[in-house]
Amino acid sequence: MNEPEWNPYDRNCPSRQVLDRVGDRWSVLVVGALTQGPLRFSELAKTVDGVSQKMLTQTLRGLERDGLVARASVCPNSSSRGV
């Protein structure tokens, strides 16, 4: 089977979408911060110093939409409830 020929210099090449996503400043920092494992939103905001809550939310939504990150529900542990 012939593999498709990828040419990122061609505006119609699907690789352009990947480059657009990972070339974004905040996306690179968020993905880098998540390489060590999952983080809560507040932990991620502290790790990626300088990102606003709005920009972090938009970045995470875009990365989730593109399948680069997945949201997970986290049950609070007993120490966070003061028990």
PDB file of N, CA and C in Angstrom:
ATOM      1  N   MET A   1       0.849  -1.171   0.000  1.00  0.00           N
ATOM      2  CA  MET A   1       0.000   0.000   0.000  1.00  0.00           C
ATOM      3  C   MET A   1       0.897   1.237   0.000  1.00  0.00           C
ATOM      4  N   ASN A   2       0.590   2.215  -0.821  1.00  0.00           N
ATOM      5  CA  ASN A   2       1.385   3.431  -0.899  1.00  0.00           C
ATOM      6  C   ASN A   2       1.036   4.376   0.242  1.00  0.00           C
ATOM      7  N   GLU A   3       2.061   4.867   0.912  1.00  0.00           N
ATOM      8  CA  GLU A   3       1.875   5.856   1.962  1.00  0.00           C
ATOM      9  C   GLU A   3       1.654   7.218   1.299  1.00  0.00           C
ATOM     10  N   PRO A   4       0.778   8.042   1.897  1.00  0.00           N
ATOM     11  CA  PRO A   4       0.575   9.359   1.304  1.00  0.00           C
ATOM     12  C   PRO A   4       1.848  10.199   1.417  1.00  0.00           C
ATOM     13  N   GLU A   5       2.057  11.045   0.475  1.00  0.00           N
ATOM     14  CA  GLU A   5       3.215  11.938   0.463  1.00  0.00           C
ATOM     15  C   GLU A   5       2.847  13.186   1.270  1.00  0.00           C
ATOM     16  N   TRP A   6       3.567  13.418   2.381  1.00  0.00           N
ATOM     17  CA  TRP A   6       3.312  14.577   3.225  1.00  0.00           C
ATOM     18  C   TRP A   6       4.263  15.699   2.823  1.00  0.00           C
ATOM     19  N   ASN A   7       3.713  16.869   2.661  1.00  0.00           N
ATOM     20  CA  ASN A   7       4.522  18.024   2.321  1.00  0.00           C
ATOM     21  C   ASN A   7       4.009  19.213   3.126  1.00  0.00           C
ATOM     22  N   PRO A   8       4.652  19.522   4.259  1.00  0.00           N
ATOM     23  CA  PRO A   8       4.165  20.612   5.110  1.00  0.00           C
ATOM     24  C   PRO A   8       4.215  21.980   4.433  1.00  0.00           C
ATOM     25  N   TYR A   9       4.899  22.083   3.316  1.00  0.00           N
ATOM     26  CA  TYR A   9       4.946  23.351   2.584  1.00  0.00           C
ATOM     27  C   TYR A   9       3.717  23.559   1.706  1.00  0.00           C
ATOM     28  N   ASP A  10       2.946  22.482   1.498  1.00  0.00           N
ATOM     29  CA  ASP A  10       1.706  22.558   0.742  1.00  0.00           C
ATOM     30  C   ASP A  10       0.578  22.950   1.687  1.00  0.00           C
ATOM     31  N   ARG A  11      -0.150  23.999   1.387  1.00  0.00           N
ATOM     32  CA  ARG A  11      -1.184  24.492   2.299  1.00  0.00           C
ATOM     33  C   ARG A  11      -2.303  23.496   2.556  1.00  0.00           C
ATOM     34  N   ASN A  12      -2.486  22.517   1.677  1.00  0.00           N
ATOM     35  CA  ASN A  12      -3.539  21.524   1.845  1.00  0.00           C
ATOM     36  C   ASN A  12      -3.078  20.262   2.569  1.00  0.00           C
ATOM     37  N   CYS A  13      -1.836  20.211   2.965  1.00  0.00           N
ATOM     38  CA  CYS A  13      -1.298  19.031   3.649  1.00  0.00           C
ATOM     39  C   CYS A  13      -1.864  18.941   5.070  1.00  0.00           C
ATOM     40  N   PRO A  14      -2.377  17.771   5.469  1.00  0.00           N
ATOM     41  CA  PRO A  14      -2.934  17.606   6.815  1.00  0.00           C
ATOM     42  C   PRO A  14      -1.916  17.865   7.929  1.00  0.00           C
ATOM     43  N   SER A  15      -0.640  17.734   7.633  1.00  0.00           N
ATOM     44  CA  SER A  15       0.364  17.986   8.675  1.00  0.00           C
ATOM     45  C   SER A  15       0.349  19.441   9.124  1.00  0.00           C
ATOM     46  N   ARG A  16      -0.187  20.323   8.323  1.00  0.00           N
ATOM     47  CA  ARG A  16      -0.277  21.741   8.692  1.00  0.00           C
ATOM     48  C   ARG A  16      -1.141  21.935   9.944  1.00  0.00           C
ATOM     49  N   GLN A  17      -2.196  21.138  10.073  1.00  0.00           N
ATOM     50  CA  GLN A  17      -3.060  21.249  11.258  1.00  0.00           C
ATOM     51  C   GLN A  17      -2.284  20.896  12.518  1.00  0.00           C
ATOM     52  N   VAL A  18      -1.473  19.867  12.443  1.00  0.00           N
ATOM     53  CA  VAL A  18      -0.656  19.468  13.594  1.00  0.00           C
ATOM     54  C   VAL A  18       0.341  20.576  13.927  1.00  0.00           C
ATOM     55  N   LEU A  19       0.993  21.104  12.906  1.00  0.00           N
ATOM     56  CA  LEU A  19       1.965  22.172  13.128  1.00  0.00           C
ATOM     57  C   LEU A  19       1.301  23.422  13.703  1.00  0.00           C
ATOM     58  N   ASP A  20       0.108  23.733  13.243  1.00  0.00           N
ATOM     59  CA  ASP A  20      -0.613  24.884  13.786  1.00  0.00           C
ATOM     60  C   ASP A  20      -0.907  24.699  15.268  1.00  0.00           C
ATOM     61  N   ARG A  21      -1.294  23.488  15.652  1.00  0.00           N
ATOM     62  CA  ARG A  21      -1.651  23.234  17.046  1.00  0.00           C
ATOM     63  C   ARG A  21      -0.418  23.231  17.952  1.00  0.00           C
ATOM     64  N   VAL A  22       0.590  22.461  17.598  1.00  0.00           N
ATOM     65  CA  VAL A  22       1.750  22.342  18.492  1.00  0.00           C
ATOM     66  C   VAL A  22       2.695  23.532  18.367  1.00  0.00           C
ATOM     67  N   GLY A  23       2.505  24.349  17.344  1.00  0.00           N
ATOM     68  CA  GLY A  23       3.335  25.535  17.200  1.00  0.00           C
ATOM     69  C   GLY A  23       2.861  26.695  18.051  1.00  0.00           C
ATOM     70  N   ASP A  24       1.693  26.585  18.624  1.00  0.00           N
ATOM     71  CA  ASP A  24       1.155  27.611  19.505  1.00  0.00           C
ATOM     72  C   ASP A  24       1.938  27.616  20.816  1.00  0.00           C
ATOM     73  N   ARG A  25       2.312  28.791  21.283  1.00  0.00           N
ATOM     74  CA  ARG A  25       3.150  28.925  22.487  1.00  0.00           C
ATOM     75  C   ARG A  25       2.566  28.203  23.692  1.00  0.00           C
ATOM     76  N   TRP A  26       1.309  28.458  23.991  1.00  0.00           N
ATOM     77  CA  TRP A  26       0.724  27.858  25.196  1.00  0.00           C
ATOM     78  C   TRP A  26       0.546  26.356  25.041  1.00  0.00           C
ATOM     79  N   SER A  27       0.228  25.898  23.852  1.00  0.00           N
ATOM     80  CA  SER A  27       0.069  24.455  23.633  1.00  0.00           C
ATOM     81  C   SER A  27       1.359  23.713  23.916  1.00  0.00           C
ATOM     82  N   VAL A  28       2.465  24.252  23.454  1.00  0.00           N
ATOM     83  CA  VAL A  28       3.764  23.613  23.692  1.00  0.00           C
ATOM     84  C   VAL A  28       4.037  23.520  25.192  1.00  0.00           C
ATOM     85  N   LEU A  29       3.789  24.601  25.912  1.00  0.00           N
ATOM     86  CA  LEU A  29       4.048  24.607  27.356  1.00  0.00           C
ATOM     87  C   LEU A  29       3.109  23.671  28.108  1.00  0.00           C
ATOM     88  N   VAL A  30       1.840  23.635  27.723  1.00  0.00           N
ATOM     89  CA  VAL A  30       0.867  22.765  28.400  1.00  0.00           C
ATOM     90  C   VAL A  30       1.205  21.298  28.147  1.00  0.00           C
ATOM     91  N   VAL A  31       1.462  20.943  26.909  1.00  0.00           N
ATOM     92  CA  VAL A  31       1.808  19.549  26.600  1.00  0.00           C
ATOM     93  C   VAL A  31       3.098  19.165  27.332  1.00  0.00           C
ATOM     94  N   GLY A  32       4.059  20.057  27.364  1.00  0.00           N
ATOM     95  CA  GLY A  32       5.299  19.788  28.089  1.00  0.00           C
ATOM     96  C   GLY A  32       5.065  19.568  29.574  1.00  0.00           C
ATOM     97  N   ALA A  33       4.188  20.370  30.163  1.00  0.00           N
ATOM     98  CA  ALA A  33       3.883  20.229  31.586  1.00  0.00           C
ATOM     99  C   ALA A  33       3.166  18.912  31.870  1.00  0.00           C
ATOM    100  N   LEU A  34       2.399  18.423  30.915  1.00  0.00           N
ATOM    101  CA  LEU A  34       1.633  17.190  31.126  1.00  0.00           C
ATOM    102  C   LEU A  34       2.416  15.919  30.794  1.00  0.00           C
ATOM    103  N   THR A  35       3.658  16.048  30.351  1.00  0.00           N
ATOM    104  CA  THR A  35       4.434  14.848  30.011  1.00  0.00           C
ATOM    105  C   THR A  35       4.744  13.992  31.230  1.00  0.00           C
ATOM    106  N   GLN A  36       4.778  14.585  32.403  1.00  0.00           N
ATOM    107  CA  GLN A  36       5.075  13.828  33.621  1.00  0.00           C
ATOM    108  C   GLN A  36       3.843  13.163  34.227  1.00  0.00           C
ATOM    109  N   GLY A  37       2.674  13.484  33.699  1.00  0.00           N
ATOM    110  CA  GLY A  37       1.447  12.878  34.201  1.00  0.00           C
ATOM    111  C   GLY A  37       0.344  13.909  34.307  1.00  0.00           C
ATOM    112  N   PRO A  38      -0.847  13.462  34.690  1.00  0.00           N
ATOM    113  CA  PRO A  38      -1.995  14.367  34.758  1.00  0.00           C
ATOM    114  C   PRO A  38      -1.830  15.418  35.857  1.00  0.00           C
ATOM    115  N   LEU A  39      -2.399  16.582  35.605  1.00  0.00           N
ATOM    116  CA  LEU A  39      -2.398  17.666  36.583  1.00  0.00           C
ATOM    117  C   LEU A  39      -3.800  18.246  36.679  1.00  0.00           C
ATOM    118  N   ARG A  40      -4.146  18.702  37.858  1.00  0.00           N
ATOM    119  CA  ARG A  40      -5.386  19.449  38.018  1.00  0.00           C
ATOM    120  C   ARG A  40      -5.219  20.802  37.331  1.00  0.00           C
ATOM    121  N   PHE A  41      -6.324  21.437  37.013  1.00  0.00           N
ATOM    122  CA  PHE A  41      -6.285  22.720  36.321  1.00  0.00           C
ATOM    123  C   PHE A  41      -5.428  23.724  37.092  1.00  0.00           C
ATOM    124  N   SER A  42      -5.648  23.820  38.391  1.00  0.00           N
ATOM    125  CA  SER A  42      -4.898  24.796  39.204  1.00  0.00           C
ATOM    126  C   SER A  42      -3.404  24.478  39.237  1.00  0.00           C
ATOM    127  N   GLU A  43      -3.053  23.198  39.278  1.00  0.00           N
ATOM    128  CA  GLU A  43      -1.635  22.812  39.250  1.00  0.00           C
ATOM    129  C   GLU A  43      -1.010  23.168  37.911  1.00  0.00           C
ATOM    130  N   LEU A  44      -1.763  22.954  36.842  1.00  0.00           N
ATOM    131  CA  LEU A  44      -1.284  23.275  35.508  1.00  0.00           C
ATOM    132  C   LEU A  44      -1.090  24.785  35.360  1.00  0.00           C
ATOM    133  N   ALA A  45      -2.018  25.562  35.909  1.00  0.00           N
ATOM    134  CA  ALA A  45      -1.907  27.024  35.852  1.00  0.00           C
ATOM    135  C   ALA A  45      -0.668  27.510  36.599  1.00  0.00           C
ATOM    136  N   LYS A  46      -0.338  26.883  37.712  1.00  0.00           N
ATOM    137  CA  LYS A  46       0.868  27.257  38.463  1.00  0.00           C
ATOM    138  C   LYS A  46       2.128  26.847  37.706  1.00  0.00           C
ATOM    139  N   THR A  47       2.083  25.693  37.068  1.00  0.00           N
ATOM    140  CA  THR A  47       3.240  25.189  36.331  1.00  0.00           C
ATOM    141  C   THR A  47       3.538  26.053  35.110  1.00  0.00           C
ATOM    142  N   VAL A  48       2.496  26.444  34.383  1.00  0.00           N
ATOM    143  CA  VAL A  48       2.654  27.263  33.173  1.00  0.00           C
ATOM    144  C   VAL A  48       2.496  28.725  33.602  1.00  0.00           C
ATOM    145  N   ASP A  49       3.539  29.255  34.189  1.00  0.00           N
ATOM    146  CA  ASP A  49       3.529  30.598  34.749  1.00  0.00           C
ATOM    147  C   ASP A  49       3.234  31.635  33.667  1.00  0.00           C
ATOM    148  N   GLY A  50       2.300  32.521  33.958  1.00  0.00           N
ATOM    149  CA  GLY A  50       1.987  33.606  33.034  1.00  0.00           C
ATOM    150  C   GLY A  50       0.763  33.390  32.168  1.00  0.00           C
ATOM    151  N   VAL A  51       0.251  32.170  32.115  1.00  0.00           N
ATOM    152  CA  VAL A  51      -0.938  31.909  31.299  1.00  0.00           C
ATOM    153  C   VAL A  51      -2.176  32.327  32.093  1.00  0.00           C
ATOM    154  N   SER A  52      -3.093  33.029  31.427  1.00  0.00           N
ATOM    155  CA  SER A  52      -4.333  33.425  32.090  1.00  0.00           C
ATOM    156  C   SER A  52      -5.279  32.230  32.159  1.00  0.00           C
ATOM    157  N   GLN A  53      -6.247  32.313  33.053  1.00  0.00           N
ATOM    158  CA  GLN A  53      -7.227  31.232  33.180  1.00  0.00           C
ATOM    159  C   GLN A  53      -7.966  31.044  31.861  1.00  0.00           C
ATOM    160  N   LYS A  54      -8.331  32.144  31.216  1.00  0.00           N
ATOM    161  CA  LYS A  54      -9.054  32.071  29.951  1.00  0.00           C
ATOM    162  C   LYS A  54      -8.208  31.395  28.871  1.00  0.00           C
ATOM    163  N   MET A  55      -6.937  31.780  28.771  1.00  0.00           N
ATOM    164  CA  MET A  55      -6.066  31.212  27.735  1.00  0.00           C
ATOM    165  C   MET A  55      -5.788  29.740  28.001  1.00  0.00           C
ATOM    166  N   LEU A  56      -5.609  29.372  29.266  1.00  0.00           N
ATOM    167  CA  LEU A  56      -5.376  27.971  29.609  1.00  0.00           C
ATOM    168  C   LEU A  56      -6.605  27.136  29.272  1.00  0.00           C
ATOM    169  N   THR A  57      -7.784  27.655  29.576  1.00  0.00           N
ATOM    170  CA  THR A  57      -9.025  26.953  29.246  1.00  0.00           C
ATOM    171  C   THR A  57      -9.153  26.763  27.741  1.00  0.00           C
ATOM    172  N   GLN A  58      -8.912  27.823  26.963  1.00  0.00           N
ATOM    173  CA  GLN A  58      -9.010  27.732  25.510  1.00  0.00           C
ATOM    174  C   GLN A  58      -7.982  26.750  24.948  1.00  0.00           C
ATOM    175  N   THR A  59      -6.770  26.789  25.497  1.00  0.00           N
ATOM    176  CA  THR A  59      -5.716  25.890  25.027  1.00  0.00           C
ATOM    177  C   THR A  59      -6.071  24.443  25.310  1.00  0.00           C
ATOM    178  N   LEU A  60      -6.538  24.167  26.521  1.00  0.00           N
ATOM    179  CA  LEU A  60      -6.918  22.796  26.874  1.00  0.00           C
ATOM    180  C   LEU A  60      -8.086  22.305  26.025  1.00  0.00           C
ATOM    181  N   ARG A  61      -9.049  23.157  25.767  1.00  0.00           N
ATOM    182  CA  ARG A  61     -10.188  22.764  24.923  1.00  0.00           C
ATOM    183  C   ARG A  61      -9.725  22.423  23.507  1.00  0.00           C
ATOM    184  N   GLY A  62      -8.820  23.234  22.977  1.00  0.00           N
ATOM    185  CA  GLY A  62      -8.296  22.965  21.639  1.00  0.00           C
ATOM    186  C   GLY A  62      -7.499  21.678  21.589  1.00  0.00           C
ATOM    187  N   LEU A  63      -6.663  21.450  22.592  1.00  0.00           N
ATOM    188  CA  LEU A  63      -5.863  20.223  22.638  1.00  0.00           C
ATOM    189  C   LEU A  63      -6.761  19.004  22.813  1.00  0.00           C
ATOM    190  N   GLU A  64      -7.820  19.148  23.604  1.00  0.00           N
ATOM    191  CA  GLU A  64      -8.767  18.037  23.790  1.00  0.00           C
ATOM    192  C   GLU A  64      -9.530  17.772  22.491  1.00  0.00           C
ATOM    193  N   ARG A  65      -9.985  18.829  21.842  1.00  0.00           N
ATOM    194  CA  ARG A  65     -10.710  18.690  20.574  1.00  0.00           C
ATOM    195  C   ARG A  65      -9.855  17.985  19.518  1.00  0.00           C
ATOM    196  N   ASP A  66      -8.563  18.291  19.514  1.00  0.00           N
ATOM    197  CA  ASP A  66      -7.647  17.699  18.535  1.00  0.00           C
ATOM    198  C   ASP A  66      -7.111  16.336  18.963  1.00  0.00           C
ATOM    199  N   GLY A  67      -7.541  15.861  20.127  1.00  0.00           N
ATOM    200  CA  GLY A  67      -7.154  14.532  20.582  1.00  0.00           C
ATOM    201  C   GLY A  67      -5.759  14.443  21.178  1.00  0.00           C
ATOM    202  N   LEU A  68      -5.174  15.584  21.545  1.00  0.00           N
ATOM    203  CA  LEU A  68      -3.823  15.566  22.115  1.00  0.00           C
ATOM    204  C   LEU A  68      -3.819  15.434  23.632  1.00  0.00           C
ATOM    205  N   VAL A  69      -4.909  15.798  24.275  1.00  0.00           N
ATOM    206  CA  VAL A  69      -5.067  15.579  25.717  1.00  0.00           C
ATOM    207  C   VAL A  69      -6.479  15.061  25.964  1.00  0.00           C
ATOM    208  N   ALA A  70      -6.653  14.419  27.096  1.00  0.00           N
ATOM    209  CA  ALA A  70      -7.973  13.924  27.485  1.00  0.00           C
ATOM    210  C   ALA A  70      -8.273  14.391  28.898  1.00  0.00           C
ATOM    211  N   ARG A  71      -9.498  14.781  29.116  1.00  0.00           N
ATOM    212  CA  ARG A  71      -9.929  15.214  30.435  1.00  0.00           C
ATOM    213  C   ARG A  71     -10.272  13.983  31.268  1.00  0.00           C
ATOM    214  N   ALA A  72      -9.897  14.027  32.527  1.00  0.00           N
ATOM    215  CA  ALA A  72     -10.211  12.920  33.429  1.00  0.00           C
ATOM    216  C   ALA A  72     -10.862  13.459  34.689  1.00  0.00           C
ATOM    217  N   SER A  73     -11.846  12.746  35.188  1.00  0.00           N
ATOM    218  CA  SER A  73     -12.461  13.117  36.457  1.00  0.00           C
ATOM    219  C   SER A  73     -11.579  12.619  37.586  1.00  0.00           C
ATOM    220  N   VAL A  74     -11.415  13.457  38.578  1.00  0.00           N
ATOM    221  CA  VAL A  74     -10.580  13.097  39.716  1.00  0.00           C
ATOM    222  C   VAL A  74     -11.435  13.185  40.966  1.00  0.00           C
ATOM    223  N   CYS A  75     -11.472  12.092  41.705  1.00  0.00           N
ATOM    224  CA  CYS A  75     -12.194  12.096  42.970  1.00  0.00           C
ATOM    225  C   CYS A  75     -11.324  12.771  44.030  1.00  0.00           C
ATOM    226  N   PRO A  76     -11.908  13.666  44.814  1.00  0.00           N
ATOM    227  CA  PRO A  76     -11.101  14.307  45.852  1.00  0.00           C
ATOM    228  C   PRO A  76     -10.675  13.283  46.903  1.00  0.00           C
ATOM    229  N   ASN A  77      -9.417  13.396  47.332  1.00  0.00           N
ATOM    230  CA  ASN A  77      -8.967  12.457  48.382  1.00  0.00           C
ATOM    231  C   ASN A  77      -9.355  13.037  49.744  1.00  0.00           C
ATOM    232  N   SER A  78      -9.233  12.246  50.764  1.00  0.00           N
ATOM    233  CA  SER A  78      -9.691  12.645  52.084  1.00  0.00           C
ATOM    234  C   SER A  78      -8.892  13.828  52.628  1.00  0.00           C
ATOM    235  N   SER A  79      -7.626  13.988  52.249  1.00  0.00           N
ATOM    236  CA  SER A  79      -6.822  15.088  52.783  1.00  0.00           C
ATOM    237  C   SER A  79      -7.296  16.433  52.248  1.00  0.00           C
ATOM    238  N   SER A  80      -7.844  16.493  51.038  1.00  0.00           N
ATOM    239  CA  SER A  80      -8.302  17.760  50.488  1.00  0.00           C
ATOM    240  C   SER A  80      -9.626  18.204  51.115  1.00  0.00           C
ATOM    241  N   ARG A  81     -10.335  17.291  51.748  1.00  0.00           N
ATOM    242  CA  ARG A  81     -11.598  17.630  52.404  1.00  0.00           C
ATOM    243  C   ARG A  81     -11.403  17.910  53.882  1.00  0.00           C
ATOM    244  N   GLY A  82     -10.168  17.823  54.349  1.00  0.00           N
ATOM    245  CA  GLY A  82      -9.892  18.104  55.752  1.00  0.00           C
ATOM    246  C   GLY A  82     -10.282  16.968  56.678  1.00  0.00           C
ATOM    247  N   VAL A  83     -10.468  15.772  56.155  1.00  0.00           N
ATOM    248  CA  VAL A  83     -10.864  14.623  56.969  1.00  0.00           C
ATOM    249  C   VAL A  83      -9.633  13.896  57.442  1.00  0.00           C
TER     250      VAL A  83
END
